[in-house]
N, C-alpha and C. Protein backbone atom coordinates (compact mmCIF):
# COMPACT_ATOMS: atom_id res chain seq x y z
N UNK A 1 -12.88 -3.97 0.32
CA UNK A 1 -12.93 -3.00 -0.75
C UNK A 1 -13.93 -3.43 -1.81
N UNK A 2 -13.95 -4.71 -2.08
CA UNK A 2 -14.89 -5.20 -3.09
C UNK A 2 -16.32 -4.91 -2.69
N UNK A 3 -16.66 -5.11 -1.42
CA UNK A 3 -18.02 -4.84 -0.96
C UNK A 3 -18.38 -3.37 -1.13
N UNK A 4 -17.43 -2.50 -0.85
CA UNK A 4 -17.68 -1.07 -1.00
C UNK A 4 -17.90 -0.70 -2.47
N UNK A 5 -17.09 -1.26 -3.34
CA UNK A 5 -17.23 -0.98 -4.77
C UNK A 5 -18.58 -1.47 -5.28
N UNK A 6 -18.97 -2.68 -4.88
CA UNK A 6 -20.26 -3.23 -5.30
C UNK A 6 -21.40 -2.34 -4.80
N UNK A 7 -21.31 -1.90 -3.54
CA UNK A 7 -22.37 -1.05 -2.98
C UNK A 7 -22.49 0.27 -3.74
N UNK A 8 -21.36 0.88 -4.06
CA UNK A 8 -21.39 2.15 -4.80
C UNK A 8 -21.93 1.92 -6.21
N UNK A 9 -21.47 0.86 -6.86
CA UNK A 9 -21.95 0.58 -8.22
C UNK A 9 -23.46 0.34 -8.23
N UNK A 10 -23.95 -0.40 -7.24
CA UNK A 10 -25.40 -0.64 -7.15
C UNK A 10 -26.16 0.67 -6.97
N UNK A 11 -25.64 1.55 -6.16
CA UNK A 11 -26.28 2.85 -5.92
C UNK A 11 -26.30 3.68 -7.20
N UNK A 12 -25.16 3.68 -7.92
CA UNK A 12 -25.09 4.42 -9.17
C UNK A 12 -26.07 3.84 -10.19
N UNK A 13 -26.10 2.52 -10.28
CA UNK A 13 -27.00 1.87 -11.25
C UNK A 13 -28.46 2.12 -10.91
N UNK A 14 -28.82 2.13 -9.62
CA UNK A 14 -30.20 2.42 -9.22
C UNK A 14 -30.60 3.85 -9.56
N UNK A 15 -29.60 4.72 -9.66
CA UNK A 15 -29.86 6.12 -10.01
C UNK A 15 -29.82 6.36 -11.51
N UNK A 16 -29.71 5.29 -12.27
CA UNK A 16 -29.71 5.44 -13.73
C UNK A 16 -28.36 5.28 -14.37
N UNK A 17 -27.35 4.93 -13.60
CA UNK A 17 -26.01 4.71 -14.16
C UNK A 17 -25.28 6.01 -14.40
N UNK A 18 -24.26 5.94 -15.21
CA UNK A 18 -23.47 7.12 -15.59
C UNK A 18 -23.83 7.47 -17.02
N UNK A 19 -24.42 8.64 -17.20
CA UNK A 19 -24.92 9.07 -18.51
C UNK A 19 -25.85 8.01 -19.10
N UNK A 20 -26.67 7.42 -18.22
CA UNK A 20 -27.65 6.44 -18.66
C UNK A 20 -27.11 5.04 -18.86
N UNK A 21 -25.84 4.84 -18.59
CA UNK A 21 -25.24 3.50 -18.78
C UNK A 21 -24.93 2.88 -17.42
N UNK A 22 -25.36 1.64 -17.19
CA UNK A 22 -25.07 1.00 -15.92
C UNK A 22 -23.60 0.59 -15.82
N UNK A 23 -23.12 0.54 -14.60
CA UNK A 23 -21.77 0.03 -14.36
C UNK A 23 -21.83 -1.49 -14.35
N UNK A 24 -20.86 -2.11 -14.98
CA UNK A 24 -20.75 -3.56 -15.00
C UNK A 24 -19.43 -3.90 -14.33
N UNK A 25 -19.48 -4.73 -13.28
CA UNK A 25 -18.27 -5.07 -12.53
C UNK A 25 -17.81 -6.49 -12.84
N UNK A 26 -16.49 -6.65 -12.90
CA UNK A 26 -15.85 -7.95 -13.02
C UNK A 26 -14.90 -8.07 -11.84
N UNK A 27 -14.83 -9.21 -11.20
CA UNK A 27 -14.00 -9.38 -10.01
C UNK A 27 -12.95 -10.45 -10.24
N UNK A 28 -11.74 -10.16 -9.83
CA UNK A 28 -10.64 -11.13 -9.86
C UNK A 28 -9.88 -10.98 -8.54
N UNK A 29 -9.28 -12.06 -8.09
CA UNK A 29 -8.52 -12.06 -6.83
C UNK A 29 -7.03 -11.99 -7.16
N UNK A 30 -6.36 -10.93 -6.73
CA UNK A 30 -4.92 -10.80 -6.98
C UNK A 30 -4.08 -11.59 -5.97
N UNK A 31 -4.72 -12.13 -4.94
CA UNK A 31 -4.08 -12.95 -3.92
C UNK A 31 -2.92 -12.22 -3.23
N UNK A 32 -2.89 -10.91 -3.31
CA UNK A 32 -1.79 -10.10 -2.80
C UNK A 32 -0.46 -10.67 -3.31
N UNK A 33 -0.44 -11.01 -4.58
CA UNK A 33 0.71 -11.64 -5.21
C UNK A 33 0.89 -11.02 -6.60
N UNK A 34 2.06 -10.46 -6.90
CA UNK A 34 2.24 -9.79 -8.19
C UNK A 34 1.96 -10.67 -9.41
N UNK A 35 2.39 -11.94 -9.37
CA UNK A 35 2.17 -12.81 -10.53
C UNK A 35 0.67 -13.08 -10.73
N UNK A 36 -0.02 -13.39 -9.64
CA UNK A 36 -1.46 -13.63 -9.73
C UNK A 36 -2.18 -12.35 -10.19
N UNK A 37 -1.71 -11.22 -9.73
CA UNK A 37 -2.34 -9.94 -10.10
C UNK A 37 -2.17 -9.66 -11.59
N UNK A 38 -0.99 -9.95 -12.12
CA UNK A 38 -0.77 -9.73 -13.56
C UNK A 38 -1.69 -10.63 -14.37
N UNK A 39 -1.83 -11.90 -13.97
CA UNK A 39 -2.76 -12.80 -14.67
C UNK A 39 -4.20 -12.27 -14.61
N UNK A 40 -4.60 -11.82 -13.41
CA UNK A 40 -5.97 -11.30 -13.24
C UNK A 40 -6.17 -10.04 -14.09
N UNK A 41 -5.19 -9.15 -14.07
CA UNK A 41 -5.30 -7.91 -14.85
C UNK A 41 -5.36 -8.21 -16.34
N UNK A 42 -4.54 -9.16 -16.79
CA UNK A 42 -4.57 -9.55 -18.21
C UNK A 42 -5.97 -10.02 -18.61
N UNK A 43 -6.58 -10.84 -17.77
CA UNK A 43 -7.94 -11.33 -18.06
C UNK A 43 -8.92 -10.16 -18.10
N UNK A 44 -8.85 -9.30 -17.11
CA UNK A 44 -9.78 -8.17 -17.05
C UNK A 44 -9.62 -7.25 -18.27
N UNK A 45 -8.38 -7.00 -18.65
CA UNK A 45 -8.10 -6.09 -19.76
C UNK A 45 -8.39 -6.76 -21.11
N UNK A 46 -7.85 -7.96 -21.31
CA UNK A 46 -7.92 -8.61 -22.62
C UNK A 46 -9.24 -9.34 -22.89
N UNK A 47 -9.80 -9.97 -21.86
CA UNK A 47 -11.02 -10.76 -22.05
C UNK A 47 -12.27 -9.94 -21.73
N UNK A 48 -12.27 -9.32 -20.55
CA UNK A 48 -13.45 -8.57 -20.12
C UNK A 48 -13.52 -7.16 -20.70
N UNK A 49 -12.41 -6.69 -21.26
CA UNK A 49 -12.34 -5.36 -21.90
C UNK A 49 -12.76 -4.24 -20.95
N UNK A 50 -12.25 -4.29 -19.72
CA UNK A 50 -12.58 -3.25 -18.74
C UNK A 50 -11.94 -1.92 -19.11
N UNK A 51 -12.53 -0.85 -18.61
CA UNK A 51 -11.97 0.48 -18.84
C UNK A 51 -11.28 1.02 -17.59
N UNK A 52 -11.41 0.28 -16.47
CA UNK A 52 -10.77 0.70 -15.23
C UNK A 52 -10.48 -0.52 -14.36
N UNK A 53 -9.39 -0.42 -13.61
CA UNK A 53 -9.02 -1.41 -12.59
C UNK A 53 -9.03 -0.69 -11.26
N UNK A 54 -9.51 -1.37 -10.22
CA UNK A 54 -9.60 -0.73 -8.91
C UNK A 54 -9.19 -1.67 -7.79
N UNK A 55 -8.65 -1.08 -6.75
CA UNK A 55 -8.56 -1.68 -5.43
C UNK A 55 -7.42 -2.63 -5.12
N UNK A 56 -6.32 -2.59 -5.81
CA UNK A 56 -5.19 -3.33 -5.29
C UNK A 56 -4.62 -2.53 -4.13
N UNK A 57 -4.17 -3.24 -3.08
CA UNK A 57 -3.69 -2.51 -1.91
C UNK A 57 -2.23 -2.77 -1.59
N UNK A 58 -1.63 -3.82 -2.13
CA UNK A 58 -0.21 -4.08 -1.91
C UNK A 58 0.59 -3.36 -2.99
N UNK A 59 1.58 -2.59 -2.59
CA UNK A 59 2.37 -1.82 -3.55
C UNK A 59 3.03 -2.69 -4.60
N UNK A 60 3.56 -3.84 -4.20
CA UNK A 60 4.22 -4.72 -5.17
C UNK A 60 3.23 -5.19 -6.23
N UNK A 61 2.00 -5.45 -5.83
CA UNK A 61 0.95 -5.87 -6.77
C UNK A 61 0.62 -4.73 -7.72
N UNK A 62 0.41 -3.55 -7.17
CA UNK A 62 0.06 -2.40 -7.99
C UNK A 62 1.17 -2.07 -8.98
N UNK A 63 2.41 -2.13 -8.54
CA UNK A 63 3.54 -1.84 -9.43
C UNK A 63 3.66 -2.89 -10.54
N UNK A 64 3.30 -4.14 -10.27
CA UNK A 64 3.35 -5.18 -11.29
C UNK A 64 2.28 -4.98 -12.36
N UNK A 65 1.12 -4.47 -11.95
CA UNK A 65 0.01 -4.29 -12.89
C UNK A 65 0.08 -2.94 -13.62
N UNK A 66 0.73 -1.98 -13.02
CA UNK A 66 0.81 -0.62 -13.59
C UNK A 66 1.19 -0.59 -15.07
N UNK A 67 2.26 -1.27 -15.51
CA UNK A 67 2.60 -1.18 -16.93
C UNK A 67 1.52 -1.74 -17.86
N UNK A 68 0.80 -2.75 -17.40
CA UNK A 68 -0.29 -3.31 -18.21
C UNK A 68 -1.39 -2.27 -18.42
N UNK A 69 -1.74 -1.59 -17.33
CA UNK A 69 -2.79 -0.57 -17.41
C UNK A 69 -2.37 0.59 -18.30
N UNK A 70 -1.14 1.04 -18.14
CA UNK A 70 -0.65 2.17 -18.95
C UNK A 70 -0.64 1.78 -20.43
N UNK A 71 -0.11 0.59 -20.73
CA UNK A 71 -0.04 0.13 -22.12
C UNK A 71 -1.43 0.01 -22.75
N UNK A 72 -2.40 -0.50 -21.97
CA UNK A 72 -3.76 -0.69 -22.49
C UNK A 72 -4.62 0.57 -22.37
N UNK A 73 -4.07 1.63 -21.75
CA UNK A 73 -4.80 2.87 -21.51
C UNK A 73 -6.08 2.61 -20.72
N UNK A 74 -5.90 1.84 -19.64
CA UNK A 74 -6.98 1.51 -18.70
C UNK A 74 -6.71 2.27 -17.41
N UNK A 75 -7.67 3.04 -16.96
CA UNK A 75 -7.51 3.79 -15.71
C UNK A 75 -7.33 2.80 -14.55
N UNK A 76 -6.37 3.09 -13.69
CA UNK A 76 -6.03 2.17 -12.60
C UNK A 76 -5.88 2.97 -11.31
N UNK A 77 -6.75 2.67 -10.33
CA UNK A 77 -6.68 3.36 -9.05
C UNK A 77 -6.49 2.32 -7.95
N UNK A 78 -5.58 2.62 -7.03
CA UNK A 78 -5.29 1.69 -5.95
C UNK A 78 -5.20 2.44 -4.63
N UNK A 79 -5.12 1.67 -3.57
CA UNK A 79 -4.91 2.25 -2.24
C UNK A 79 -3.49 1.96 -1.76
N UNK A 80 -2.62 1.55 -2.66
CA UNK A 80 -1.24 1.21 -2.32
C UNK A 80 -0.46 2.45 -1.91
N UNK A 81 0.60 2.24 -1.12
CA UNK A 81 1.32 3.36 -0.53
C UNK A 81 2.61 3.79 -1.21
N UNK A 82 3.25 2.96 -2.00
CA UNK A 82 4.56 3.30 -2.55
C UNK A 82 4.46 4.50 -3.51
N UNK A 83 5.36 5.45 -3.33
CA UNK A 83 5.38 6.62 -4.20
C UNK A 83 5.62 6.26 -5.66
N UNK A 84 6.37 5.18 -5.91
CA UNK A 84 6.69 4.76 -7.28
C UNK A 84 5.44 4.49 -8.11
N UNK A 85 4.33 4.25 -7.46
CA UNK A 85 3.09 3.95 -8.18
C UNK A 85 2.66 5.11 -9.07
N UNK A 86 2.76 6.31 -8.56
CA UNK A 86 2.32 7.47 -9.34
C UNK A 86 3.48 8.28 -9.91
N UNK A 87 4.70 7.78 -9.75
CA UNK A 87 5.85 8.47 -10.33
C UNK A 87 6.03 8.02 -11.77
N UNK A 88 6.75 8.81 -12.54
CA UNK A 88 7.04 8.46 -13.92
C UNK A 88 5.90 8.83 -14.85
N UNK A 89 6.13 8.55 -16.11
CA UNK A 89 5.15 8.88 -17.14
C UNK A 89 4.11 7.77 -17.22
N UNK A 90 2.92 8.06 -16.79
CA UNK A 90 1.84 7.07 -16.85
C UNK A 90 0.64 7.60 -17.62
N UNK A 91 0.80 8.74 -18.24
CA UNK A 91 -0.25 9.28 -19.10
C UNK A 91 -1.55 9.62 -18.39
N UNK A 92 -1.52 9.72 -17.07
CA UNK A 92 -2.73 10.04 -16.33
C UNK A 92 -3.62 8.83 -16.08
N UNK A 93 -3.13 7.64 -16.36
CA UNK A 93 -3.94 6.44 -16.18
C UNK A 93 -3.80 5.83 -14.79
N UNK A 94 -2.87 6.33 -13.97
CA UNK A 94 -2.60 5.73 -12.67
C UNK A 94 -2.92 6.75 -11.57
N UNK A 95 -3.63 6.28 -10.55
CA UNK A 95 -3.94 7.13 -9.39
C UNK A 95 -3.93 6.26 -8.14
N UNK A 96 -3.74 6.89 -7.01
CA UNK A 96 -3.82 6.16 -5.74
C UNK A 96 -4.48 7.05 -4.70
N UNK A 97 -5.14 6.44 -3.76
CA UNK A 97 -5.83 7.19 -2.72
C UNK A 97 -4.98 7.36 -1.47
N UNK A 98 -3.90 6.63 -1.38
CA UNK A 98 -3.01 6.67 -0.21
C UNK A 98 -2.17 7.95 -0.27
N UNK A 99 -2.01 8.64 0.85
CA UNK A 99 -1.13 9.81 0.85
C UNK A 99 0.30 9.40 0.52
N UNK A 100 1.09 10.33 -0.01
CA UNK A 100 2.46 9.97 -0.36
C UNK A 100 3.30 9.69 0.90
N UNK A 101 4.44 9.05 0.69
CA UNK A 101 5.29 8.63 1.80
C UNK A 101 5.76 9.82 2.62
N UNK A 102 6.07 10.92 1.97
CA UNK A 102 6.55 12.11 2.68
C UNK A 102 5.48 12.60 3.66
N UNK A 103 4.24 12.71 3.20
CA UNK A 103 3.16 13.17 4.08
C UNK A 103 2.93 12.20 5.23
N UNK A 104 2.89 10.89 4.92
CA UNK A 104 2.71 9.91 5.99
C UNK A 104 3.84 10.00 7.00
N UNK A 105 5.07 10.16 6.50
CA UNK A 105 6.23 10.28 7.39
C UNK A 105 6.13 11.49 8.30
N UNK A 106 5.66 12.60 7.74
CA UNK A 106 5.51 13.81 8.54
C UNK A 106 4.49 13.60 9.66
N UNK A 107 3.40 12.92 9.34
CA UNK A 107 2.36 12.67 10.35
C UNK A 107 2.87 11.72 11.43
N UNK A 108 3.55 10.64 11.02
CA UNK A 108 4.12 9.71 12.00
C UNK A 108 5.08 10.44 12.93
N UNK A 109 6.01 11.19 12.31
CA UNK A 109 7.02 11.89 13.10
C UNK A 109 6.39 12.92 14.03
N UNK A 110 5.41 13.65 13.55
CA UNK A 110 4.74 14.65 14.39
C UNK A 110 4.10 13.98 15.60
N UNK A 111 3.48 12.85 15.38
CA UNK A 111 2.84 12.13 16.49
C UNK A 111 3.89 11.65 17.48
N UNK A 112 4.99 11.05 16.98
CA UNK A 112 6.05 10.56 17.87
C UNK A 112 6.64 11.73 18.67
N UNK A 113 6.92 12.83 18.00
CA UNK A 113 7.52 13.98 18.68
C UNK A 113 6.58 14.62 19.69
N UNK A 114 5.28 14.43 19.51
CA UNK A 114 4.32 15.01 20.45
C UNK A 114 4.24 14.22 21.75
N UNK A 115 4.79 13.04 21.77
CA UNK A 115 4.74 12.17 22.93
C UNK A 115 6.10 12.16 23.62
N UNK A 116 6.19 12.76 24.75
CA UNK A 116 7.47 12.89 25.49
C UNK A 116 8.02 11.54 25.93
N UNK A 117 7.14 10.55 26.12
CA UNK A 117 7.59 9.25 26.62
C UNK A 117 8.34 8.42 25.58
N UNK A 118 8.30 8.82 24.32
CA UNK A 118 8.97 8.05 23.27
C UNK A 118 10.35 8.62 22.99
N UNK A 119 11.34 8.07 23.66
CA UNK A 119 12.72 8.51 23.45
C UNK A 119 13.44 7.61 22.45
N UNK A 120 13.11 6.33 22.48
CA UNK A 120 13.73 5.36 21.58
C UNK A 120 12.61 4.73 20.75
N UNK A 121 12.74 4.87 19.44
CA UNK A 121 11.70 4.42 18.53
C UNK A 121 12.26 3.32 17.62
N UNK A 122 11.47 2.27 17.44
CA UNK A 122 11.84 1.21 16.50
C UNK A 122 10.76 1.13 15.42
N UNK A 123 11.21 0.98 14.20
CA UNK A 123 10.30 0.85 13.05
C UNK A 123 10.59 -0.48 12.39
N UNK A 124 9.56 -1.32 12.30
CA UNK A 124 9.68 -2.62 11.64
C UNK A 124 8.67 -2.64 10.50
N UNK A 125 9.13 -3.07 9.33
CA UNK A 125 8.23 -3.12 8.19
C UNK A 125 8.56 -4.30 7.29
N UNK A 126 7.51 -4.88 6.74
CA UNK A 126 7.63 -5.93 5.75
C UNK A 126 8.35 -5.38 4.53
N UNK A 127 9.24 -6.17 3.94
CA UNK A 127 9.98 -5.76 2.74
C UNK A 127 8.98 -5.54 1.60
N UNK A 128 8.68 -4.29 1.32
CA UNK A 128 7.77 -3.90 0.25
C UNK A 128 8.31 -2.63 -0.41
N UNK A 129 7.78 -2.23 -1.54
CA UNK A 129 8.22 -0.98 -2.16
C UNK A 129 7.93 0.26 -1.28
N UNK A 130 7.05 0.11 -0.30
CA UNK A 130 6.70 1.21 0.59
C UNK A 130 7.62 1.30 1.80
N UNK A 131 8.20 0.17 2.22
CA UNK A 131 8.89 0.08 3.51
C UNK A 131 10.12 0.98 3.64
N UNK A 132 11.09 0.86 2.75
CA UNK A 132 12.33 1.60 2.90
C UNK A 132 12.10 3.11 2.80
N UNK A 133 11.36 3.60 1.78
CA UNK A 133 11.11 5.04 1.76
C UNK A 133 10.36 5.53 3.01
N UNK A 134 9.45 4.72 3.50
CA UNK A 134 8.71 5.10 4.69
C UNK A 134 9.64 5.16 5.89
N UNK A 135 10.52 4.20 6.02
CA UNK A 135 11.46 4.18 7.15
C UNK A 135 12.37 5.40 7.12
N UNK A 136 12.91 5.72 5.97
CA UNK A 136 13.84 6.84 5.90
C UNK A 136 13.13 8.18 6.03
N UNK A 137 11.91 8.27 5.54
CA UNK A 137 11.18 9.52 5.63
C UNK A 137 10.57 9.72 7.01
N UNK A 138 9.88 8.71 7.51
CA UNK A 138 9.15 8.84 8.77
C UNK A 138 10.07 9.08 9.95
N UNK A 139 10.97 8.16 10.12
CA UNK A 139 11.75 8.18 11.36
C UNK A 139 12.93 9.12 11.28
N UNK A 140 13.38 9.48 10.10
CA UNK A 140 14.46 10.46 10.00
C UNK A 140 14.02 11.78 10.60
N UNK A 141 12.74 12.11 10.46
CA UNK A 141 12.23 13.36 11.00
C UNK A 141 12.15 13.36 12.52
N UNK A 142 12.09 12.17 13.13
CA UNK A 142 11.96 12.12 14.59
C UNK A 142 13.32 12.06 15.28
N UNK A 143 14.42 11.92 14.54
CA UNK A 143 15.74 11.78 15.15
C UNK A 143 16.16 12.95 16.02
N UNK A 144 15.95 14.20 15.61
CA UNK A 144 16.44 15.30 16.44
C UNK A 144 15.89 15.29 17.87
N UNK A 145 14.67 14.85 18.04
CA UNK A 145 14.07 14.88 19.37
C UNK A 145 14.32 13.60 20.16
N UNK A 146 14.75 12.56 19.51
CA UNK A 146 14.96 11.29 20.20
C UNK A 146 16.35 11.27 20.81
N UNK A 147 16.47 10.60 21.97
CA UNK A 147 17.77 10.52 22.62
C UNK A 147 18.68 9.53 21.91
N UNK A 148 18.10 8.62 21.14
CA UNK A 148 18.88 7.67 20.37
C UNK A 148 18.26 7.58 18.97
N UNK A 149 19.08 7.23 18.01
CA UNK A 149 18.56 7.10 16.65
C UNK A 149 17.53 5.98 16.59
N UNK A 150 16.51 6.15 15.79
CA UNK A 150 15.52 5.09 15.65
C UNK A 150 16.14 3.84 15.03
N UNK A 151 15.60 2.71 15.37
CA UNK A 151 16.00 1.44 14.79
C UNK A 151 15.05 1.15 13.63
N UNK A 152 15.61 0.93 12.44
CA UNK A 152 14.80 0.56 11.28
C UNK A 152 15.13 -0.88 10.92
N UNK A 153 14.12 -1.73 10.88
CA UNK A 153 14.33 -3.12 10.52
C UNK A 153 13.30 -3.52 9.47
N UNK A 154 13.78 -3.89 8.32
CA UNK A 154 12.91 -4.35 7.24
C UNK A 154 12.97 -5.88 7.27
N UNK A 155 11.83 -6.55 7.38
CA UNK A 155 11.82 -8.00 7.52
C UNK A 155 11.20 -8.66 6.28
N UNK A 156 11.59 -9.91 6.06
CA UNK A 156 11.13 -10.69 4.92
C UNK A 156 9.79 -11.35 5.22
N UNK A 157 9.04 -11.60 4.19
CA UNK A 157 7.73 -12.22 4.28
C UNK A 157 7.84 -13.74 4.43
N UNK A 158 6.86 -14.32 5.09
CA UNK A 158 6.65 -15.78 5.16
C UNK A 158 7.80 -16.56 5.79
N UNK A 159 8.49 -15.97 6.75
CA UNK A 159 9.50 -16.74 7.48
C UNK A 159 8.79 -17.59 8.53
N UNK A 160 9.33 -18.74 8.88
CA UNK A 160 8.68 -19.56 9.90
C UNK A 160 8.72 -18.92 11.28
N UNK A 161 9.73 -18.05 11.50
CA UNK A 161 9.84 -17.38 12.80
C UNK A 161 10.48 -16.01 12.60
N UNK A 162 10.07 -15.08 13.45
CA UNK A 162 10.65 -13.74 13.42
C UNK A 162 11.37 -13.45 14.74
N UNK A 163 11.79 -14.50 15.41
CA UNK A 163 12.45 -14.36 16.71
C UNK A 163 13.70 -13.49 16.63
N UNK A 164 14.54 -13.69 15.62
CA UNK A 164 15.78 -12.89 15.54
C UNK A 164 15.47 -11.42 15.30
N UNK A 165 14.45 -11.13 14.49
CA UNK A 165 14.08 -9.73 14.23
C UNK A 165 13.53 -9.07 15.50
N UNK A 166 12.66 -9.78 16.19
CA UNK A 166 12.09 -9.24 17.44
C UNK A 166 13.19 -9.04 18.48
N UNK A 167 14.08 -10.01 18.60
CA UNK A 167 15.19 -9.91 19.56
C UNK A 167 16.05 -8.70 19.25
N UNK A 168 16.35 -8.51 17.96
CA UNK A 168 17.18 -7.37 17.55
C UNK A 168 16.52 -6.04 17.90
N UNK A 169 15.23 -5.93 17.64
CA UNK A 169 14.52 -4.68 17.95
C UNK A 169 14.41 -4.47 19.45
N UNK A 170 14.04 -5.51 20.17
CA UNK A 170 13.88 -5.38 21.62
C UNK A 170 15.21 -5.08 22.32
N UNK A 171 16.33 -5.47 21.72
CA UNK A 171 17.65 -5.18 22.30
C UNK A 171 17.93 -3.69 22.35
N UNK A 172 17.22 -2.89 21.54
CA UNK A 172 17.41 -1.43 21.56
C UNK A 172 16.57 -0.77 22.65
N UNK A 173 15.78 -1.60 23.35
CA UNK A 173 14.92 -1.11 24.44
C UNK A 173 14.02 0.04 23.99
N UNK A 174 13.22 -0.19 22.95
CA UNK A 174 12.39 0.90 22.42
C UNK A 174 11.21 1.25 23.34
N UNK A 175 10.85 2.49 23.30
CA UNK A 175 9.63 2.95 23.99
C UNK A 175 8.42 2.78 23.07
N UNK A 176 8.68 2.71 21.78
CA UNK A 176 7.62 2.57 20.79
C UNK A 176 8.13 1.69 19.66
N UNK A 177 7.31 0.74 19.24
CA UNK A 177 7.61 -0.04 18.04
C UNK A 177 6.50 0.23 17.04
N UNK A 178 6.87 0.80 15.93
CA UNK A 178 5.93 1.03 14.83
C UNK A 178 6.07 -0.16 13.91
N UNK A 179 5.00 -0.94 13.73
CA UNK A 179 5.05 -2.16 12.94
C UNK A 179 4.13 -2.03 11.74
N UNK A 180 4.71 -2.21 10.55
CA UNK A 180 3.92 -2.19 9.32
C UNK A 180 4.05 -3.53 8.63
N UNK A 181 2.91 -4.05 8.19
CA UNK A 181 2.90 -5.32 7.49
C UNK A 181 1.49 -5.62 7.03
N UNK A 182 1.29 -6.83 6.56
CA UNK A 182 -0.01 -7.24 6.10
C UNK A 182 -0.61 -8.25 7.07
N UNK A 183 -1.89 -8.19 7.24
CA UNK A 183 -2.57 -9.22 8.03
C UNK A 183 -2.92 -10.37 7.10
N UNK A 184 -3.03 -11.54 7.65
CA UNK A 184 -3.40 -12.70 6.84
C UNK A 184 -4.86 -12.61 6.47
N UNK A 185 -5.17 -13.01 5.25
CA UNK A 185 -6.55 -13.05 4.80
C UNK A 185 -7.19 -14.31 5.37
N UNK A 186 -8.35 -14.19 6.00
CA UNK A 186 -9.00 -15.39 6.54
C UNK A 186 -9.30 -16.39 5.43
N UNK A 187 -9.11 -17.66 5.74
CA UNK A 187 -9.36 -18.71 4.74
C UNK A 187 -10.81 -18.99 4.59
C-alpha cells in the first residue's frame, strides 16, 4: 500500500500538486499492532501535523487509531473490514475502502450456493473485529441450501499450534473451508 501511495503522490506532484501545493508524505509502521499504531498515529498527528492518515488494513489497528483521528479532525481512510470502523459519530473523518460485512457475506454466500459440491461449509477466522460479524453474516445466508449447518471457528493469534482447531474443523468433514487471517510480513 505504501508503494501505491508514494506512486500516486509522485504523479500528483509531477502534475503540479493539488491546487499548486505538493503532497508531502510521512511514513510510520503500525506493525499490525494497535499499540504501535496509536504511537505512530500520535507522532503523525502531533509532530508531523498531518491532515490525513491512510492505509491501515487490520480492523483492530484502525479501530484503535479512529478516536485519535476524530478528536484531531484528521481524515482517516483504511482498507480494514470491520463495520464498526465507519459506524457511530465520526464527523465524516473516517472512511474505508472495504465493502461492508453484509455485502461481503452476500457475495461469499452467493458463491457457495452456486457450487453444488459444497454441502458442508467450514469458516475459520482469526479473532478480529471483522471475524464474528463476517461469520454470522456470510455463512448464515448459506445455511438453507447446505445439508448441514456451517461450522464457524474463530481462532486466536500467535498460538504455537493450531492442531486442535484444524482437527475440530476437519471432524465436520467439510467440502469447503473458508479461511480468513493475516499472512506474516516478511522479515
